[in-house]
C-alpha atoms as a PDB file:
ATOM      1  CA  UNK A   1      83.984-101.130 -33.270  1.00  0.00           C
ATOM      2  CA  UNK A   2      80.950-103.075 -31.153  1.00  0.00           C
ATOM      3  CA  UNK A   3      81.121-106.376 -30.814  1.00  0.00           C
ATOM      4  CA  UNK A   4      78.056-107.352 -33.106  1.00  0.00           C
ATOM      5  CA  UNK A   5      80.020-105.794 -35.949  1.00  0.00           C
ATOM      6  CA  UNK A   6      83.226-107.724 -35.401  1.00  0.00           C
ATOM      7  CA  UNK A   7      80.881-110.724 -35.389  1.00  0.00           C
ATOM      8  CA  UNK A   8      79.497-109.769 -38.578  1.00  0.00           C
ATOM      9  CA  UNK A   9      82.611-109.230 -40.525  1.00  0.00           C
ATOM     10  CA  UNK A  10      83.997-112.556 -39.060  1.00  0.00           C
ATOM     11  CA  UNK A  11      80.671-113.963 -40.294  1.00  0.00           C
ATOM     12  CA  UNK A  12      81.356-112.724 -43.595  1.00  0.00           C
ATOM     13  CA  UNK A  13      85.384-113.315 -43.747  1.00  0.00           C
ATOM     14  CA  UNK A  14      84.994-116.948 -43.137  1.00  0.00           C
ATOM     15  CA  UNK A  15      82.061-117.076 -45.856  1.00  0.00           C
ATOM     16  CA  UNK A  16      84.181-115.730 -48.447  1.00  0.00           C
ATOM     17  CA  UNK A  17      87.138-118.262 -46.926  1.00  0.00           C
ATOM     18  CA  UNK A  18      85.182-121.235 -47.345  1.00  0.00           C
ATOM     19  CA  UNK A  19      83.449-120.575 -50.697  1.00  0.00           C
ATOM     20  CA  UNK A  20      85.789-118.482 -52.281  1.00  0.00           C
ATOM     21  CA  UNK A  21      89.049-120.600 -51.750  1.00  0.00           C
ATOM     22  CA  UNK A  22      89.902-122.521 -55.141  1.00  0.00           C
ATOM     23  CA  UNK A  23      87.321-121.112 -57.639  1.00  0.00           C
ATOM     24  CA  UNK A  24      89.075-121.752 -60.818  1.00  0.00           C
ATOM     25  CA  UNK A  25      88.541-117.999 -63.217  1.00  0.00           C
ATOM     26  CA  UNK A  26      86.765-118.726 -66.152  1.00  0.00           C
ATOM     27  CA  UNK A  27      84.823-116.640 -68.151  1.00  0.00           C
ATOM     28  CA  UNK A  28      81.088-115.485 -66.622  1.00  0.00           C
ATOM     29  CA  UNK A  29      78.704-112.858 -66.743  1.00  0.00           C
ATOM     30  CA  UNK A  30      78.819-111.934 -71.104  1.00  0.00           C
ATOM     31  CA  UNK A  31      82.171-112.449 -71.541  1.00  0.00           C
ATOM     32  CA  UNK A  32      84.521-109.772 -73.067  1.00  0.00           C
ATOM     33  CA  UNK A  33      83.920-109.254 -76.735  1.00  0.00           C
ATOM     34  CA  UNK A  34      80.572-111.185 -77.223  1.00  0.00           C
ATOM     35  CA  UNK A  35      78.340-108.204 -77.395  1.00  0.00           C
ATOM     36  CA  UNK A  36      79.126-105.542 -80.984  1.00  0.00           C
ATOM     37  CA  UNK A  37      80.244-102.425 -79.758  1.00  0.00           C
ATOM     38  CA  UNK A  38      77.004-100.327 -79.949  1.00  0.00           C
ATOM     39  CA  UNK A  39      75.258-102.773 -78.079  1.00  0.00           C
ATOM     40  CA  UNK A  40      77.882-102.648 -75.430  1.00  0.00           C
ATOM     41  CA  UNK A  41      77.785 -98.664 -75.023  1.00  0.00           C
ATOM     42  CA  UNK A  42      73.990 -98.614 -75.201  1.00  0.00           C
ATOM     43  CA  UNK A  43      73.536-100.694 -72.090  1.00  0.00           C
ATOM     44  CA  UNK A  44      76.257 -98.597 -70.392  1.00  0.00           C
ATOM     45  CA  UNK A  45      74.651 -95.391 -70.815  1.00  0.00           C
ATOM     46  CA  UNK A  46      71.277 -97.287 -69.524  1.00  0.00           C
ATOM     47  CA  UNK A  47      73.020 -97.992 -66.337  1.00  0.00           C
ATOM     48  CA  UNK A  48      73.995 -94.784 -65.492  1.00  0.00           C
ATOM     49  CA  UNK A  49      71.063 -93.150 -64.174  1.00  0.00           C
ATOM     50  CA  UNK A  50      71.069 -96.015 -61.734  1.00  0.00           C
ATOM     51  CA  UNK A  51      74.229 -95.893 -61.010  1.00  0.00           C
ATOM     52  CA  UNK A  52      74.126 -92.208 -60.084  1.00  0.00           C
ATOM     53  CA  UNK A  53      70.776 -92.791 -58.295  1.00  0.00           C
ATOM     54  CA  UNK A  54      73.195 -96.063 -56.411  1.00  0.00           C
ATOM     55  CA  UNK A  55      76.039 -93.461 -55.129  1.00  0.00           C
ATOM     56  CA  UNK A  56      73.281 -91.158 -54.084  1.00  0.00           C
ATOM     57  CA  UNK A  57      71.407 -93.575 -51.835  1.00  0.00           C
ATOM     58  CA  UNK A  58      74.547 -94.949 -50.216  1.00  0.00           C
ATOM     59  CA  UNK A  59      76.274 -91.451 -49.514  1.00  0.00           C
ATOM     60  CA  UNK A  60      72.826 -90.326 -47.511  1.00  0.00           C
ATOM     61  CA  UNK A  61      72.701 -93.718 -46.220  1.00  0.00           C
ATOM     62  CA  UNK A  62      76.306 -93.230 -44.228  1.00  0.00           C
ATOM     63  CA  UNK A  63      76.033 -90.050 -43.627  1.00  0.00           C
ATOM     64  CA  UNK A  64      72.573 -91.023 -41.515  1.00  0.00           C
ATOM     65  CA  UNK A  65      74.790 -93.511 -39.909  1.00  0.00           C
ATOM     66  CA  UNK A  66      78.766 -94.299 -40.412  1.00  0.00           C
ATOM     67  CA  UNK A  67      78.111 -97.832 -38.922  1.00  0.00           C
ATOM     68  CA  UNK A  68      75.562 -99.104 -41.551  1.00  0.00           C
ATOM     69  CA  UNK A  69      79.350 -98.968 -43.822  1.00  0.00           C
ATOM     70  CA  UNK A  70      79.291-102.534 -41.737  1.00  0.00           C
ATOM     71  CA  UNK A  71      76.507-104.120 -43.748  1.00  0.00           C
ATOM     72  CA  UNK A  72      77.194-102.172 -47.092  1.00  0.00           C
ATOM     73  CA  UNK A  73      80.797-103.801 -47.305  1.00  0.00           C
ATOM     74  CA  UNK A  74      79.272-107.074 -46.243  1.00  0.00           C
ATOM     75  CA  UNK A  75      76.316-107.187 -48.825  1.00  0.00           C
ATOM     76  CA  UNK A  76      79.337-106.228 -51.548  1.00  0.00           C
ATOM     77  CA  UNK A  77      81.465-109.370 -50.196  1.00  0.00           C
ATOM     78  CA  UNK A  78      78.490-111.707 -50.886  1.00  0.00           C
ATOM     79  CA  UNK A  79      77.906-110.590 -53.963  1.00  0.00           C
ATOM     80  CA  UNK A  80      81.557-110.795 -55.094  1.00  0.00           C
ATOM     81  CA  UNK A  81      81.528-114.552 -53.330  1.00  0.00           C
ATOM     82  CA  UNK A  82      78.993-115.598 -54.463  1.00  0.00           C
ATOM     83  CA  UNK A  83      78.929-114.621 -57.745  1.00  0.00           C
ATOM     84  CA  UNK A  84      82.486-115.630 -58.374  1.00  0.00           C
ATOM     85  CA  UNK A  85      81.735-119.548 -57.681  1.00  0.00           C
ATOM     86  CA  UNK A  86      81.590-120.775 -61.161  1.00  0.00           C
ATOM     87  CA  UNK A  87      78.681-123.674 -61.669  1.00  0.00           C
ATOM     88  CA  UNK A  88      79.071-125.779 -65.044  1.00  0.00           C
ATOM     89  CA  UNK A  89      76.366-126.603 -66.867  1.00  0.00           C
ATOM     90  CA  UNK A  90      75.634-129.327 -68.577  1.00  0.00           C
ATOM     91  CA  UNK A  91      73.763-127.607 -72.053  1.00  0.00           C
ATOM     92  CA  UNK A  92      77.550-126.152 -72.473  1.00  0.00           C
ATOM     93  CA  UNK A  93      77.787-123.126 -70.533  1.00  0.00           C
ATOM     94  CA  UNK A  94      78.275-122.043 -66.589  1.00  0.00           C
ATOM     95  CA  UNK A  95      76.395-120.575 -64.315  1.00  0.00           C
ATOM     96  CA  UNK A  96      76.721-118.686 -61.059  1.00  0.00           C
ATOM     97  CA  UNK A  97      74.678-117.197 -58.588  1.00  0.00           C
ATOM     98  CA  UNK A  98      74.224-113.833 -57.963  1.00  0.00           C
ATOM     99  CA  UNK A  99      73.852-112.692 -54.442  1.00  0.00           C
ATOM    100  CA  UNK A 100      72.056-109.205 -55.313  1.00  0.00           C
ATOM    101  CA  UNK A 101      69.366-110.147 -53.470  1.00  0.00           C
ATOM    102  CA  UNK A 102      70.315-109.975 -49.943  1.00  0.00           C
ATOM    103  CA  UNK A 103      71.505-106.382 -50.798  1.00  0.00           C
ATOM    104  CA  UNK A 104      68.243-105.082 -52.280  1.00  0.00           C
ATOM    105  CA  UNK A 105      66.510-106.565 -49.183  1.00  0.00           C
ATOM    106  CA  UNK A 106      68.622-104.891 -47.157  1.00  0.00           C
ATOM    107  CA  UNK A 107      68.921-101.270 -48.587  1.00  0.00           C
ATOM    108  CA  UNK A 108      67.043-100.993 -51.618  1.00  0.00           C
ATOM    109  CA  UNK A 109      67.890-101.539 -55.656  1.00  0.00           C
ATOM    110  CA  UNK A 110      69.850 -98.433 -55.621  1.00  0.00           C
ATOM    111  CA  UNK A 111      72.837 -99.002 -53.584  1.00  0.00           C
ATOM    112  CA  UNK A 112      73.432-102.521 -55.310  1.00  0.00           C
ATOM    113  CA  UNK A 113      73.919-100.979 -58.326  1.00  0.00           C
ATOM    114  CA  UNK A 114      76.921 -99.563 -57.283  1.00  0.00           C
ATOM    115  CA  UNK A 115      78.174-102.501 -55.467  1.00  0.00           C
ATOM    116  CA  UNK A 116      77.575-104.395 -58.201  1.00  0.00           C
ATOM    117  CA  UNK A 117      79.532-102.482 -60.594  1.00  0.00           C
ATOM    118  CA  UNK A 118      82.302-102.401 -58.191  1.00  0.00           C
ATOM    119  CA  UNK A 119      82.319-106.497 -57.849  1.00  0.00           C
ATOM    120  CA  UNK A 120      82.244-106.591 -61.692  1.00  0.00           C
ATOM    121  CA  UNK A 121      85.159-104.815 -62.761  1.00  0.00           C
ATOM    122  CA  UNK A 122      87.197-106.517 -59.876  1.00  0.00           C
ATOM    123  CA  UNK A 123      85.957-109.980 -61.302  1.00  0.00           C
ATOM    124  CA  UNK A 124      86.415-108.590 -64.892  1.00  0.00           C
ATOM    125  CA  UNK A 125      90.222-107.512 -63.880  1.00  0.00           C
ATOM    126  CA  UNK A 126      91.464-109.978 -61.821  1.00  0.00           C
ATOM    127  CA  UNK A 127      89.581-113.300 -62.314  1.00  0.00           C
ATOM    128  CA  UNK A 128      88.871-112.565 -66.257  1.00  0.00           C
ATOM    129  CA  UNK A 129      85.075-113.041 -65.541  1.00  0.00           C
ATOM    130  CA  UNK A 130      82.629-111.237 -67.470  1.00  0.00           C
ATOM    131  CA  UNK A 131      84.582-108.109 -69.306  1.00  0.00           C
ATOM    132  CA  UNK A 132      85.217-104.609 -69.560  1.00  0.00           C
ATOM    133  CA  UNK A 133      83.575-103.648 -72.876  1.00  0.00           C
ATOM    134  CA  UNK A 134      80.796-106.184 -71.627  1.00  0.00           C
ATOM    135  CA  UNK A 135      80.153-103.898 -68.400  1.00  0.00           C
ATOM    136  CA  UNK A 136      77.528-102.474 -68.909  1.00  0.00           C
ATOM    137  CA  UNK A 137      75.574-104.967 -69.977  1.00  0.00           C
ATOM    138  CA  UNK A 138      76.347-107.446 -67.079  1.00  0.00           C
ATOM    139  CA  UNK A 139      75.714-104.188 -64.933  1.00  0.00           C
ATOM    140  CA  UNK A 140      72.096-103.955 -66.122  1.00  0.00           C
ATOM    141  CA  UNK A 141      71.351-107.639 -65.575  1.00  0.00           C
ATOM    142  CA  UNK A 142      73.047-108.420 -62.315  1.00  0.00           C
ATOM    143  CA  UNK A 143      73.459-104.974 -60.188  1.00  0.00           C
ATOM    144  CA  UNK A 144      70.324-103.092 -61.600  1.00  0.00           C
ATOM    145  CA  UNK A 145      67.125-105.518 -62.999  1.00  0.00           C
ATOM    146  CA  UNK A 146      68.298-108.545 -60.537  1.00  0.00           C
ATOM    147  CA  UNK A 147      67.911-106.198 -57.770  1.00  0.00           C
ATOM    148  CA  UNK A 148      64.753-104.420 -58.792  1.00  0.00           C
ATOM    149  CA  UNK A 149      63.284-107.606 -58.823  1.00  0.00           C
ATOM    150  CA  UNK A 150      64.525-108.861 -55.915  1.00  0.00           C
ATOM    151  CA  UNK A 151      63.033-105.866 -53.990  1.00  0.00           C
ATOM    152  CA  UNK A 152      59.914-105.687 -55.859  1.00  0.00           C
ATOM    153  CA  UNK A 153      59.045-109.357 -54.857  1.00  0.00           C
ATOM    154  CA  UNK A 154      60.394-108.718 -50.977  1.00  0.00           C
ATOM    155  CA  UNK A 155      58.214-105.389 -50.494  1.00  0.00           C
ATOM    156  CA  UNK A 156      55.117-107.516 -52.543  1.00  0.00           C
ATOM    157  CA  UNK A 157      55.899-109.932 -49.850  1.00  0.00           C
ATOM    158  CA  UNK A 158      55.572-107.530 -47.237  1.00  0.00           C
ATOM    159  CA  UNK A 159      52.234-105.959 -48.138  1.00  0.00           C
ATOM    160  CA  UNK A 160      50.500-109.701 -48.551  1.00  0.00           C
ATOM    161  CA  UNK A 161      51.583-110.295 -45.141  1.00  0.00           C
ATOM    162  CA  UNK A 162      54.297-113.320 -45.979  1.00  0.00           C
ATOM    163  CA  UNK A 163      56.776-114.463 -43.402  1.00  0.00           C
ATOM    164  CA  UNK A 164      59.718-112.387 -43.654  1.00  0.00           C
ATOM    165  CA  UNK A 165      62.018-115.425 -43.959  1.00  0.00           C
ATOM    166  CA  UNK A 166      59.599-116.978 -46.565  1.00  0.00           C
ATOM    167  CA  UNK A 167      59.898-113.542 -48.187  1.00  0.00           C
ATOM    168  CA  UNK A 168      63.608-113.384 -48.137  1.00  0.00           C
ATOM    169  CA  UNK A 169      63.912-116.675 -49.907  1.00  0.00           C
ATOM    170  CA  UNK A 170      61.340-115.732 -52.563  1.00  0.00           C
ATOM    171  CA  UNK A 171      62.891-112.226 -53.291  1.00  0.00           C
ATOM    172  CA  UNK A 172      66.541-113.560 -53.581  1.00  0.00           C
ATOM    173  CA  UNK A 173      65.424-117.086 -55.759  1.00  0.00           C
ATOM    174  CA  UNK A 174      63.330-114.277 -58.184  1.00  0.00           C
ATOM    175  CA  UNK A 175      66.067-111.683 -58.902  1.00  0.00           C
ATOM    176  CA  UNK A 176      68.735-114.573 -59.306  1.00  0.00           C
ATOM    177  CA  UNK A 177      66.341-116.022 -62.042  1.00  0.00           C
ATOM    178  CA  UNK A 178      65.709-112.597 -63.483  1.00  0.00           C
ATOM    179  CA  UNK A 179      68.674-111.354 -63.545  1.00  0.00           C
ATOM    180  CA  UNK A 180      69.174-114.520 -66.498  1.00  0.00           C
ATOM    181  CA  UNK A 181      66.196-113.776 -68.123  1.00  0.00           C
ATOM    182  CA  UNK A 182      67.582-110.295 -68.852  1.00  0.00           C
ATOM    183  CA  UNK A 183      71.017-111.670 -69.752  1.00  0.00           C
ATOM    184  CA  UNK A 184      68.884-114.228 -72.415  1.00  0.00           C
ATOM    185  CA  UNK A 185      67.317-111.219 -73.791  1.00  0.00           C
ATOM    186  CA  UNK A 186      70.884-109.422 -74.308  1.00  0.00           C
ATOM    187  CA  UNK A 187      72.038-111.866 -76.014  1.00  0.00           C
ATOM    188  CA  UNK A 188      69.345-112.636 -78.482  1.00  0.00           C
ATOM    189  CA  UNK A 189      68.926-109.169 -79.034  1.00  0.00           C
ATOM    190  CA  UNK A 190      72.318-109.316 -80.170  1.00  0.00           C
ATOM    191  CA  UNK A 191      72.695-112.783 -81.788  1.00  0.00           C
ATOM    192  CA  UNK A 192      69.808-113.744 -83.457  1.00  0.00           C
ATOM    193  CA  UNK A 193      68.772-116.140 -86.146  1.00  0.00           C
ATOM    194  CA  UNK A 194      66.291-115.627 -88.697  1.00  0.00           C
ATOM    195  CA  UNK A 195      63.021-116.817 -86.088  1.00  0.00           C
ATOM    196  CA  UNK A 196      63.977-113.575 -84.127  1.00  0.00           C
ATOM    197  CA  UNK A 197      64.562-112.282 -81.131  1.00  0.00           C
ATOM    198  CA  UNK A 198      62.028-113.900 -78.898  1.00  0.00           C
ATOM    199  CA  UNK A 199      62.716-117.169 -80.394  1.00  0.00           C
ATOM    200  CA  UNK A 200      66.641-116.844 -79.403  1.00  0.00           C
ATOM    201  CA  UNK A 201      65.758-115.941 -76.231  1.00  0.00           C
ATOM    202  CA  UNK A 202      63.918-118.785 -75.592  1.00  0.00           C
ATOM    203  CA  UNK A 203      67.274-120.682 -76.876  1.00  0.00           C
ATOM    204  CA  UNK A 204      69.636-118.957 -74.091  1.00  0.00           C
ATOM    205  CA  UNK A 205      66.734-119.556 -71.631  1.00  0.00           C
ATOM    206  CA  UNK A 206      67.027-122.892 -72.403  1.00  0.00           C
ATOM    207  CA  UNK A 207      70.946-123.368 -72.009  1.00  0.00           C
ATOM    208  CA  UNK A 208      70.974-121.497 -68.688  1.00  0.00           C
ATOM    209  CA  UNK A 209      67.778-122.973 -66.812  1.00  0.00           C
ATOM    210  CA  UNK A 210      68.756-126.449 -66.252  1.00  0.00           C
ATOM    211  CA  UNK A 211      72.025-124.994 -63.699  1.00  0.00           C
ATOM    212  CA  UNK A 212      70.401-121.790 -63.219  1.00  0.00           C
ATOM    213  CA  UNK A 213      67.127-122.689 -61.369  1.00  0.00           C
ATOM    214  CA  UNK A 214      68.706-124.873 -58.524  1.00  0.00           C
ATOM    215  CA  UNK A 215      71.118-122.135 -58.261  1.00  0.00           C
ATOM    216  CA  UNK A 216      68.614-119.638 -57.384  1.00  0.00           C
ATOM    217  CA  UNK A 217      66.871-122.007 -54.725  1.00  0.00           C
ATOM    218  CA  UNK A 218      70.377-122.275 -53.489  1.00  0.00           C
ATOM    219  CA  UNK A 219      70.818-118.860 -53.576  1.00  0.00           C
ATOM    220  CA  UNK A 220      67.562-117.896 -51.766  1.00  0.00           C
ATOM    221  CA  UNK A 221      68.596-120.474 -48.648  1.00  0.00           C
ATOM    222  CA  UNK A 222      71.619-118.547 -48.432  1.00  0.00           C
ATOM    223  CA  UNK A 223      70.477-115.616 -48.496  1.00  0.00           C
ATOM    224  CA  UNK A 224      68.185-116.344 -45.503  1.00  0.00           C
ATOM    225  CA  UNK A 225      70.722-118.577 -43.708  1.00  0.00           C
ATOM    226  CA  UNK A 226      72.648-114.390 -43.454  1.00  0.00           C
ATOM    227  CA  UNK A 227      69.307-113.077 -42.707  1.00  0.00           C
ATOM    228  CA  UNK A 228      69.123-115.259 -39.497  1.00  0.00           C
ATOM    229  CA  UNK A 229      72.747-114.753 -38.916  1.00  0.00           C
ATOM    230  CA  UNK A 230      71.872-110.915 -38.635  1.00  0.00           C
ATOM    231  CA  UNK A 231      69.201-111.107 -36.674  1.00  0.00           C
ATOM    232  CA  UNK A 232      71.122-112.691 -33.700  1.00  0.00           C
ATOM    233  CA  UNK A 233      73.993-111.089 -34.058  1.00  0.00           C
ATOM    234  CA  UNK A 234      73.514-107.382 -35.401  1.00  0.00           C
ATOM    235  CA  UNK A 235      70.147-106.768 -33.962  1.00  0.00           C
ATOM    236  CA  UNK A 236      71.214-102.668 -33.756  1.00  0.00           C
ATOM    237  CA  UNK A 237      72.585-102.535 -37.483  1.00  0.00           C
ATOM    238  CA  UNK A 238      69.300-103.987 -39.020  1.00  0.00           C
ATOM    239  CA  UNK A 239      66.995-101.828 -36.939  1.00  0.00           C
ATOM    240  CA  UNK A 240      68.978 -98.319 -37.724  1.00  0.00           C
ATOM    241  CA  UNK A 241      68.844 -99.609 -41.604  1.00  0.00           C
ATOM    242  CA  UNK A 242      65.263-100.016 -40.942  1.00  0.00           C
ATOM    243  CA  UNK A 243      65.070-103.866 -41.300  1.00  0.00           C
ATOM    244  CA  UNK A 244      63.799-104.904 -37.892  1.00  0.00           C
ATOM    245  CA  UNK A 245      61.201-102.461 -36.197  1.00  0.00           C
ATOM    246  CA  UNK A 246      62.556-100.618 -33.338  1.00  0.00           C
ATOM    247  CA  UNK A 247      60.785-100.832 -29.816  1.00  0.00           C
ATOM    248  CA  UNK A 248      59.135 -98.292 -28.666  1.00  0.00           C
ATOM    249  CA  UNK A 249      59.014 -98.523 -24.750  1.00  0.00           C
ATOM    250  CA  UNK A 250      56.090 -96.995 -23.040  1.00  0.00           C
END
């Protein structure tokens, strides 16, 4: 293991120790038993193609360079830690950051779907965050929809020649917010009154928004800081995955 890889792992462990210590286990994501069985199955089936694509993408990524596992592991650890931090909401719920934007920016959205479901399984079993029956729905919103949005925003900013760090901030923040938009729609489809799905979705968004808006900004800032640290201590690793262009001599 080269010196730069050791530094990356140390930063990830330090981040986990600082932010993960003392977190109270409490239901987050969509809790166990909150969705009817049919919806649980439907969201699970809908997530399968993305998970298969994620497995194939990660396999190719590691076959091209085994050292990519360092950044993949760090991206997964970032998702686990940052999405385990429960922030109470004044509207009667709780919110959390997702951490999926970082992986989507570095590797694309497909690998993050697999990293995300692994994180969600561990959180459901070990921390009582989310649930096994609602795993498909939580995977789709946090590990599929959110990363797709982050990746799309980042690529759009690249085409518009937006500053890289600004692009990272916008992508991570947008992915966080979109996750909760999808979650609100999922809840509204399963639990809506005579006003309809759209009205129910707006109500759920109203519950999440007061806490989630500042959290999205915070996630954007944290992701920028992680990228800055990687550009300082993991330049070679970022070049190998194509995030930083290799310099051509001559």
